[in-house]
PDB file of N, CA and C in Angstrom:
ATOM      1  N   MET A   1      22.354  44.904 -21.786  1.00  0.00           N
ATOM      2  CA  MET A   1      22.113  43.634 -21.135  1.00  0.00           C
ATOM      3  C   MET A   1      20.774  43.047 -21.539  1.00  0.00           C
ATOM      4  N   ALA A   2      19.826  43.873 -21.894  1.00  0.00           N
ATOM      5  CA  ALA A   2      18.467  43.405 -22.142  1.00  0.00           C
ATOM      6  C   ALA A   2      18.290  42.637 -23.448  1.00  0.00           C
ATOM      7  N   HIS A   3      19.279  42.620 -24.309  1.00  0.00           N
ATOM      8  CA  HIS A   3      19.154  41.888 -25.569  1.00  0.00           C
ATOM      9  C   HIS A   3      18.972  40.398 -25.266  1.00  0.00           C
ATOM     10  N   PRO A   4      18.022  39.743 -25.933  1.00  0.00           N
ATOM     11  CA  PRO A   4      17.771  38.317 -25.656  1.00  0.00           C
ATOM     12  C   PRO A   4      19.011  37.428 -25.775  1.00  0.00           C
ATOM     13  N   ALA A   5      19.895  37.730 -26.709  1.00  0.00           N
ATOM     14  CA  ALA A   5      21.113  36.924 -26.847  1.00  0.00           C
ATOM     15  C   ALA A   5      22.011  37.097 -25.624  1.00  0.00           C
ATOM     16  N   ARG A   6      22.107  38.302 -25.101  1.00  0.00           N
ATOM     17  CA  ARG A   6      22.932  38.548 -23.910  1.00  0.00           C
ATOM     18  C   ARG A   6      22.335  37.861 -22.694  1.00  0.00           C
ATOM     19  N   VAL A   7      21.019  37.925 -22.580  1.00  0.00           N
ATOM     20  CA  VAL A   7      20.355  37.236 -21.472  1.00  0.00           C
ATOM     21  C   VAL A   7      20.609  35.734 -21.575  1.00  0.00           C
ATOM     22  N   ALA A   8      20.513  35.183 -22.781  1.00  0.00           N
ATOM     23  CA  ALA A   8      20.755  33.747 -22.982  1.00  0.00           C
ATOM     24  C   ALA A   8      22.188  33.373 -22.628  1.00  0.00           C
ATOM     25  N   ILE A   9      23.139  34.212 -23.005  1.00  0.00           N
ATOM     26  CA  ILE A   9      24.544  33.953 -22.681  1.00  0.00           C
ATOM     27  C   ILE A   9      24.735  33.956 -21.171  1.00  0.00           C
ATOM     28  N   LEU A  10      24.199  34.977 -20.504  1.00  0.00           N
ATOM     29  CA  LEU A  10      24.319  35.056 -19.043  1.00  0.00           C
ATOM     30  C   LEU A  10      23.647  33.865 -18.373  1.00  0.00           C
ATOM     31  N   GLU A  11      22.460  33.490 -18.841  1.00  0.00           N
ATOM     32  CA  GLU A  11      21.764  32.333 -18.270  1.00  0.00           C
ATOM     33  C   GLU A  11      22.594  31.066 -18.425  1.00  0.00           C
ATOM     34  N   HIS A  12      23.212  30.904 -19.578  1.00  0.00           N
ATOM     35  CA  HIS A  12      24.024  29.707 -19.822  1.00  0.00           C
ATOM     36  C   HIS A  12      25.240  29.670 -18.895  1.00  0.00           C
ATOM     37  N   ILE A  13      25.905  30.803 -18.735  1.00  0.00           N
ATOM     38  CA  ILE A  13      27.073  30.850 -17.857  1.00  0.00           C
ATOM     39  C   ILE A  13      26.657  30.574 -16.411  1.00  0.00           C
ATOM     40  N   ILE A  14      25.547  31.165 -15.986  1.00  0.00           N
ATOM     41  CA  ILE A  14      25.063  30.960 -14.618  1.00  0.00           C
ATOM     42  C   ILE A  14      24.675  29.501 -14.407  1.00  0.00           C
ATOM     43  N   LYS A  15      23.964  28.929 -15.369  1.00  0.00           N
ATOM     44  CA  LYS A  15      23.527  27.523 -15.262  1.00  0.00           C
ATOM     45  C   LYS A  15      24.726  26.589 -15.172  1.00  0.00           C
ATOM     46  N   ALA A  16      25.759  26.874 -15.943  1.00  0.00           N
ATOM     47  CA  ALA A  16      26.956  26.024 -15.931  1.00  0.00           C
ATOM     48  C   ALA A  16      27.707  26.139 -14.612  1.00  0.00           C
ATOM     49  N   ASN A  17      27.569  27.301 -13.953  1.00  0.00           N
ATOM     50  CA  ASN A  17      28.255  27.560 -12.690  1.00  0.00           C
ATOM     51  C   ASN A  17      29.763  27.319 -12.818  1.00  0.00           C
ATOM     52  N   ALA A  18      30.290  27.690 -13.981  1.00  0.00           N
ATOM     53  CA  ALA A  18      31.709  27.514 -14.272  1.00  0.00           C
ATOM     54  C   ALA A  18      32.069  28.415 -15.440  1.00  0.00           C
ATOM     55  N   CYS A  19      33.337  28.474 -15.746  1.00  0.00           N
ATOM     56  CA  CYS A  19      33.765  29.226 -16.923  1.00  0.00           C
ATOM     57  C   CYS A  19      33.317  28.494 -18.181  1.00  0.00           C
ATOM     58  N   ILE A  20      32.902  29.259 -19.169  1.00  0.00           N
ATOM     59  CA  ILE A  20      32.455  28.715 -20.445  1.00  0.00           C
ATOM     60  C   ILE A  20      33.540  28.990 -21.476  1.00  0.00           C
ATOM     61  N   CYS A  21      33.956  27.942 -22.166  1.00  0.00           N
ATOM     62  CA  CYS A  21      35.029  28.072 -23.154  1.00  0.00           C
ATOM     63  C   CYS A  21      34.552  27.640 -24.533  1.00  0.00           C
ATOM     64  N   GLY A  22      33.866  28.519 -25.232  1.00  0.00           N
ATOM     65  CA  GLY A  22      33.595  28.312 -26.643  1.00  0.00           C
ATOM     66  C   GLY A  22      32.470  27.399 -27.061  1.00  0.00           C
ATOM     67  N   ASP A  23      31.649  26.869 -26.169  1.00  0.00           N
ATOM     68  CA  ASP A  23      30.567  25.998 -26.617  1.00  0.00           C
ATOM     69  C   ASP A  23      29.244  26.745 -26.746  1.00  0.00           C
ATOM     70  N   LEU A  24      29.273  28.053 -26.704  1.00  0.00           N
ATOM     71  CA  LEU A  24      28.050  28.846 -26.775  1.00  0.00           C
ATOM     72  C   LEU A  24      27.380  28.768 -28.140  1.00  0.00           C
ATOM     73  N   VAL A  25      28.134  28.630 -29.207  1.00  0.00           N
ATOM     74  CA  VAL A  25      27.555  28.538 -30.547  1.00  0.00           C
ATOM     75  C   VAL A  25      26.637  27.332 -30.621  1.00  0.00           C
ATOM     76  N   THR A  26      27.121  26.185 -30.177  1.00  0.00           N
ATOM     77  CA  THR A  26      26.324  24.959 -30.196  1.00  0.00           C
ATOM     78  C   THR A  26      25.140  25.061 -29.247  1.00  0.00           C
ATOM     79  N   GLU A  27      25.380  25.554 -28.051  1.00  0.00           N
ATOM     80  CA  GLU A  27      24.336  25.621 -27.028  1.00  0.00           C
ATOM     81  C   GLU A  27      23.222  26.604 -27.371  1.00  0.00           C
ATOM     82  N   LEU A  28      23.564  27.757 -27.930  1.00  0.00           N
ATOM     83  CA  LEU A  28      22.570  28.805 -28.157  1.00  0.00           C
ATOM     84  C   LEU A  28      22.052  28.862 -29.590  1.00  0.00           C
ATOM     85  N   GLY A  29      22.754  28.215 -30.504  1.00  0.00           N
ATOM     86  CA  GLY A  29      22.311  28.203 -31.881  1.00  0.00           C
ATOM     87  C   GLY A  29      22.443  29.546 -32.591  1.00  0.00           C
ATOM     88  N   LEU A  30      23.378  30.353 -32.143  1.00  0.00           N
ATOM     89  CA  LEU A  30      23.639  31.642 -32.771  1.00  0.00           C
ATOM     90  C   LEU A  30      24.976  31.594 -33.497  1.00  0.00           C
ATOM     91  N   ALA A  31      25.160  32.505 -34.433  1.00  0.00           N
ATOM     92  CA  ALA A  31      26.416  32.568 -35.174  1.00  0.00           C
ATOM     93  C   ALA A  31      27.557  32.992 -34.250  1.00  0.00           C
ATOM     94  N   GLN A  32      28.757  32.520 -34.547  1.00  0.00           N
ATOM     95  CA  GLN A  32      29.933  32.853 -33.743  1.00  0.00           C
ATOM     96  C   GLN A  32      30.134  34.360 -33.667  1.00  0.00           C
ATOM     97  N   ALA A  33      29.950  35.051 -34.789  1.00  0.00           N
ATOM     98  CA  ALA A  33      30.137  36.509 -34.791  1.00  0.00           C
ATOM     99  C   ALA A  33      29.135  37.200 -33.871  1.00  0.00           C
ATOM    100  N   THR A  34      27.916  36.707 -33.845  1.00  0.00           N
ATOM    101  CA  THR A  34      26.881  37.274 -32.970  1.00  0.00           C
ATOM    102  C   THR A  34      27.248  37.077 -31.514  1.00  0.00           C
ATOM    103  N   ILE A  35      27.648  35.867 -31.173  1.00  0.00           N
ATOM    104  CA  ILE A  35      28.027  35.570 -29.791  1.00  0.00           C
ATOM    105  C   ILE A  35      29.241  36.386 -29.386  1.00  0.00           C
ATOM    106  N   SER A  36      30.217  36.484 -30.274  1.00  0.00           N
ATOM    107  CA  SER A  36      31.423  37.256 -29.964  1.00  0.00           C
ATOM    108  C   SER A  36      31.090  38.713 -29.679  1.00  0.00           C
ATOM    109  N   GLN A  37      30.199  39.293 -30.472  1.00  0.00           N
ATOM    110  CA  GLN A  37      29.810  40.692 -30.262  1.00  0.00           C
ATOM    111  C   GLN A  37      29.114  40.870 -28.919  1.00  0.00           C
ATOM    112  N   HIS A  38      28.231  39.950 -28.567  1.00  0.00           N
ATOM    113  CA  HIS A  38      27.512  40.066 -27.301  1.00  0.00           C
ATOM    114  C   HIS A  38      28.430  39.797 -26.103  1.00  0.00           C
ATOM    115  N   LEU A  39      29.356  38.874 -26.256  1.00  0.00           N
ATOM    116  CA  LEU A  39      30.343  38.652 -25.191  1.00  0.00           C
ATOM    117  C   LEU A  39      31.182  39.909 -24.976  1.00  0.00           C
ATOM    118  N   LYS A  40      31.551  40.555 -26.067  1.00  0.00           N
ATOM    119  CA  LYS A  40      32.328  41.794 -25.977  1.00  0.00           C
ATOM    120  C   LYS A  40      31.552  42.857 -25.207  1.00  0.00           C
ATOM    121  N   GLU A  41      30.274  43.009 -25.515  1.00  0.00           N
ATOM    122  CA  GLU A  41      29.455  44.009 -24.830  1.00  0.00           C
ATOM    123  C   GLU A  41      29.270  43.674 -23.352  1.00  0.00           C
ATOM    124  N   LEU A  42      29.059  42.410 -23.043  1.00  0.00           N
ATOM    125  CA  LEU A  42      28.921  42.001 -21.639  1.00  0.00           C
ATOM    126  C   LEU A  42      30.224  42.221 -20.873  1.00  0.00           C
ATOM    127  N   LYS A  43      31.344  41.971 -21.544  1.00  0.00           N
ATOM    128  CA  LYS A  43      32.639  42.193 -20.912  1.00  0.00           C
ATOM    129  C   LYS A  43      32.893  43.686 -20.724  1.00  0.00           C
ATOM    130  N   ASN A  44      32.566  44.503 -21.727  1.00  0.00           N
ATOM    131  CA  ASN A  44      32.715  45.956 -21.610  1.00  0.00           C
ATOM    132  C   ASN A  44      31.850  46.514 -20.488  1.00  0.00           C
ATOM    133  N   ALA A  45      30.682  45.910 -20.272  1.00  0.00           N
ATOM    134  CA  ALA A  45      29.792  46.335 -19.192  1.00  0.00           C
ATOM    135  C   ALA A  45      30.302  45.864 -17.831  1.00  0.00           C
ATOM    136  N   GLY A  46      31.298  44.968 -17.844  1.00  0.00           N
ATOM    137  CA  GLY A  46      31.880  44.479 -16.601  1.00  0.00           C
ATOM    138  C   GLY A  46      31.135  43.324 -15.970  1.00  0.00           C
ATOM    139  N   LEU A  47      30.125  42.780 -16.647  1.00  0.00           N
ATOM    140  CA  LEU A  47      29.327  41.705 -16.069  1.00  0.00           C
ATOM    141  C   LEU A  47      29.984  40.337 -16.163  1.00  0.00           C
ATOM    142  N   ILE A  48      30.869  40.184 -17.148  1.00  0.00           N
ATOM    143  CA  ILE A  48      31.605  38.925 -17.266  1.00  0.00           C
ATOM    144  C   ILE A  48      33.089  39.247 -17.359  1.00  0.00           C
ATOM    145  N   GLN A  49      33.886  38.233 -17.080  1.00  0.00           N
ATOM    146  CA  GLN A  49      35.328  38.374 -17.241  1.00  0.00           C
ATOM    147  C   GLN A  49      35.815  37.209 -18.080  1.00  0.00           C
ATOM    148  N   GLY A  50      36.896  37.435 -18.783  1.00  0.00           N
ATOM    149  CA  GLY A  50      37.439  36.401 -19.649  1.00  0.00           C
ATOM    150  C   GLY A  50      38.894  36.126 -19.338  1.00  0.00           C
ATOM    151  N   THR A  51      39.262  34.873 -19.453  1.00  0.00           N
ATOM    152  CA  THR A  51      40.650  34.475 -19.282  1.00  0.00           C
ATOM    153  C   THR A  51      41.060  33.650 -20.499  1.00  0.00           C
ATOM    154  N   ILE A  52      42.295  33.808 -20.909  1.00  0.00           N
ATOM    155  CA  ILE A  52      42.801  33.073 -22.064  1.00  0.00           C
ATOM    156  C   ILE A  52      43.363  31.743 -21.587  1.00  0.00           C
ATOM    157  N   GLU A  53      42.854  30.673 -22.200  1.00  0.00           N
ATOM    158  CA  GLU A  53      43.342  29.320 -21.906  1.00  0.00           C
ATOM    159  C   GLU A  53      43.717  28.676 -23.226  1.00  0.00           C
ATOM    160  N   GLY A  54      45.002  28.641 -23.508  1.00  0.00           N
ATOM    161  CA  GLY A  54      45.465  28.108 -24.790  1.00  0.00           C
ATOM    162  C   GLY A  54      45.032  29.027 -25.914  1.00  0.00           C
ATOM    163  N   VAL A  55      44.264  28.481 -26.862  1.00  0.00           N
ATOM    164  CA  VAL A  55      43.802  29.286 -27.992  1.00  0.00           C
ATOM    165  C   VAL A  55      42.372  29.802 -27.803  1.00  0.00           C
ATOM    166  N   SER A  56      41.752  29.496 -26.671  1.00  0.00           N
ATOM    167  CA  SER A  56      40.379  29.951 -26.461  1.00  0.00           C
ATOM    168  C   SER A  56      40.289  30.910 -25.281  1.00  0.00           C
ATOM    169  N   VAL A  57      39.200  31.667 -25.270  1.00  0.00           N
ATOM    170  CA  VAL A  57      38.918  32.574 -24.167  1.00  0.00           C
ATOM    171  C   VAL A  57      37.751  31.983 -23.384  1.00  0.00           C
ATOM    172  N   CYS A  58      37.906  31.888 -22.086  1.00  0.00           N
ATOM    173  CA  CYS A  58      36.863  31.351 -21.224  1.00  0.00           C
ATOM    174  C   CYS A  58      36.210  32.505 -20.468  1.00  0.00           C
ATOM    175  N   TYR A  59      34.897  32.455 -20.366  1.00  0.00           N
ATOM    176  CA  TYR A  59      34.145  33.529 -19.723  1.00  0.00           C
ATOM    177  C   TYR A  59      33.401  33.021 -18.505  1.00  0.00           C
ATOM    178  N   CYS A  60      33.308  33.902 -17.503  1.00  0.00           N
ATOM    179  CA  CYS A  60      32.515  33.614 -16.317  1.00  0.00           C
ATOM    180  C   CYS A  60      31.937  34.925 -15.795  1.00  0.00           C
ATOM    181  N   ILE A  61      30.995  34.812 -14.875  1.00  0.00           N
ATOM    182  CA  ILE A  61      30.377  35.991 -14.264  1.00  0.00           C
ATOM    183  C   ILE A  61      31.422  36.717 -13.429  1.00  0.00           C
ATOM    184  N   GLU A  62      31.423  38.035 -13.475  1.00  0.00           N
ATOM    185  CA  GLU A  62      32.301  38.837 -12.621  1.00  0.00           C
ATOM    186  C   GLU A  62      31.519  39.079 -11.333  1.00  0.00           C
ATOM    187  N   PRO A  63      31.890  38.420 -10.230  1.00  0.00           N
ATOM    188  CA  PRO A  63      31.063  38.398  -9.018  1.00  0.00           C
ATOM    189  C   PRO A  63      30.765  39.771  -8.405  1.00  0.00           C
ATOM    190  N   LYS A  64      31.734  40.661  -8.363  1.00  0.00           N
ATOM    191  CA  LYS A  64      31.493  41.968  -7.742  1.00  0.00           C
ATOM    192  C   LYS A  64      30.507  42.793  -8.564  1.00  0.00           C
ATOM    193  N   ALA A  65      30.684  42.800  -9.881  1.00  0.00           N
ATOM    194  CA  ALA A  65      29.776  43.545 -10.749  1.00  0.00           C
ATOM    195  C   ALA A  65      28.377  42.941 -10.712  1.00  0.00           C
ATOM    196  N   TRP A  66      28.304  41.612 -10.647  1.00  0.00           N
ATOM    197  CA  TRP A  66      27.017  40.930 -10.602  1.00  0.00           C
ATOM    198  C   TRP A  66      26.274  41.279  -9.310  1.00  0.00           C
ATOM    199  N   ALA A  67      26.984  41.303  -8.202  1.00  0.00           N
ATOM    200  CA  ALA A  67      26.370  41.667  -6.914  1.00  0.00           C
ATOM    201  C   ALA A  67      25.884  43.115  -6.948  1.00  0.00           C
ATOM    202  N   GLN A  68      26.657  43.989  -7.549  1.00  0.00           N
ATOM    203  CA  GLN A  68      26.270  45.397  -7.650  1.00  0.00           C
ATOM    204  C   GLN A  68      25.017  45.538  -8.521  1.00  0.00           C
ATOM    205  N   LEU A  69      24.974  44.841  -9.648  1.00  0.00           N
ATOM    206  CA  LEU A  69      23.810  44.880 -10.516  1.00  0.00           C
ATOM    207  C   LEU A  69      22.582  44.340  -9.788  1.00  0.00           C
ATOM    208  N   GLN A  70      22.768  43.253  -9.076  1.00  0.00           N
ATOM    209  CA  GLN A  70      21.666  42.656  -8.325  1.00  0.00           C
ATOM    210  C   GLN A  70      21.119  43.644  -7.301  1.00  0.00           C
ATOM    211  N   ASN A  71      22.008  44.334  -6.608  1.00  0.00           N
ATOM    212  CA  ASN A  71      21.598  45.319  -5.612  1.00  0.00           C
ATOM    213  C   ASN A  71      20.851  46.482  -6.269  1.00  0.00           C
ATOM    214  N   GLU A  72      21.392  47.005  -7.360  1.00  0.00           N
ATOM    215  CA  GLU A  72      20.761  48.138  -8.041  1.00  0.00           C
ATOM    216  C   GLU A  72      19.394  47.772  -8.607  1.00  0.00           C
ATOM    217  N   LEU A  73      19.273  46.582  -9.179  1.00  0.00           N
ATOM    218  CA  LEU A  73      17.978  46.158  -9.702  1.00  0.00           C
ATOM    219  C   LEU A  73      16.983  45.920  -8.579  1.00  0.00           C
ATOM    220  N   SER A  74      17.452  45.409  -7.473  1.00  0.00           N
ATOM    221  CA  SER A  74      16.577  45.201  -6.320  1.00  0.00           C
ATOM    222  C   SER A  74      16.013  46.528  -5.829  1.00  0.00           C
ATOM    223  N   ILE A  75      16.876  47.524  -5.729  1.00  0.00           N
ATOM    224  CA  ILE A  75      16.431  48.858  -5.315  1.00  0.00           C
ATOM    225  C   ILE A  75      15.430  49.412  -6.329  1.00  0.00           C
ATOM    226  N   PHE A  76      15.722  49.255  -7.595  1.00  0.00           N
ATOM    227  CA  PHE A  76      14.846  49.743  -8.658  1.00  0.00           C
ATOM    228  C   PHE A  76      13.468  49.088  -8.574  1.00  0.00           C
ATOM    229  N   PHE A  77      13.431  47.752  -8.472  1.00  0.00           N
ATOM    230  CA  PHE A  77      12.154  47.046  -8.453  1.00  0.00           C
ATOM    231  C   PHE A  77      11.359  47.296  -7.169  1.00  0.00           C
ATOM    232  N   THR A  78      12.019  47.432  -6.063  1.00  0.00           N
ATOM    233  CA  THR A  78      11.293  47.685  -4.814  1.00  0.00           C
ATOM    234  C   THR A  78      10.869  49.143  -4.674  1.00  0.00           C
ATOM    235  N   SER A  79      11.351  50.025  -5.546  1.00  0.00           N
ATOM    236  CA  SER A  79      10.955  51.425  -5.470  1.00  0.00           C
ATOM    237  C   SER A  79       9.549  51.661  -5.997  1.00  0.00           C
ATOM    238  N   TYR A  80       9.016  50.721  -6.748  1.00  0.00           N
ATOM    239  CA  TYR A  80       7.652  50.875  -7.276  1.00  0.00           C
ATOM    240  C   TYR A  80       6.637  50.621  -6.182  1.00  0.00           C
ATOM    241  N   LYS A  81       5.726  51.571  -6.028  1.00  0.00           N
ATOM    242  CA  LYS A  81       4.634  51.445  -5.076  1.00  0.00           C
ATOM    243  C   LYS A  81       3.338  51.386  -5.874  1.00  0.00           C
ATOM    244  N   ASP A  82       2.608  50.314  -5.743  1.00  0.00           N
ATOM    245  CA  ASP A  82       1.349  50.131  -6.472  1.00  0.00           C
ATOM    246  C   ASP A  82       0.345  51.190  -6.033  1.00  0.00           C
ATOM    247  N   PRO A  83      -0.091  52.054  -6.972  1.00  0.00           N
ATOM    248  CA  PRO A  83      -1.019  53.109  -6.601  1.00  0.00           C
ATOM    249  C   PRO A  83      -2.461  52.600  -6.431  1.00  0.00           C
ATOM    250  N   GLY A  84      -2.703  51.354  -6.719  1.00  0.00           N
ATOM    251  CA  GLY A  84      -4.041  50.798  -6.576  1.00  0.00           C
ATOM    252  C   GLY A  84      -4.839  50.871  -7.858  1.00  0.00           C
ATOM    253  N   SER A  85      -4.689  51.937  -8.599  1.00  0.00           N
ATOM    254  CA  SER A  85      -5.338  52.043  -9.888  1.00  0.00           C
ATOM    255  C   SER A  85      -4.423  52.828 -10.824  1.00  0.00           C
ATOM    256  N   CYS A  86      -4.556  52.519 -12.079  1.00  0.00           N
ATOM    257  CA  CYS A  86      -3.683  53.165 -13.058  1.00  0.00           C
ATOM    258  C   CYS A  86      -4.422  53.295 -14.369  1.00  0.00           C
ATOM    259  N   CYS A  87      -4.214  54.410 -15.035  1.00  0.00           N
ATOM    260  CA  CYS A  87      -4.779  54.675 -16.366  1.00  0.00           C
ATOM    261  C   CYS A  87      -6.264  54.383 -16.391  1.00  0.00           C
TER     262      CYS A  87
END
């Protein structure tokens, strides 16, 4: 998920607040093959879901997985206790 292209894809889908159908190449300025590979990885991770509409695949955030990720990251970030001094 941490790859900048994946973050950009997720940000674009979230900003659109709708399913995205193939305009990511124009919006992100990345090659189609690059976007396809990152969409595949995001889908394999369960963070997005895709539906076939005609000849294109539309992607959107998978709400249950997104909520779970949000919860896990929240727990992770709040687990840090500032020791006051470091190194």
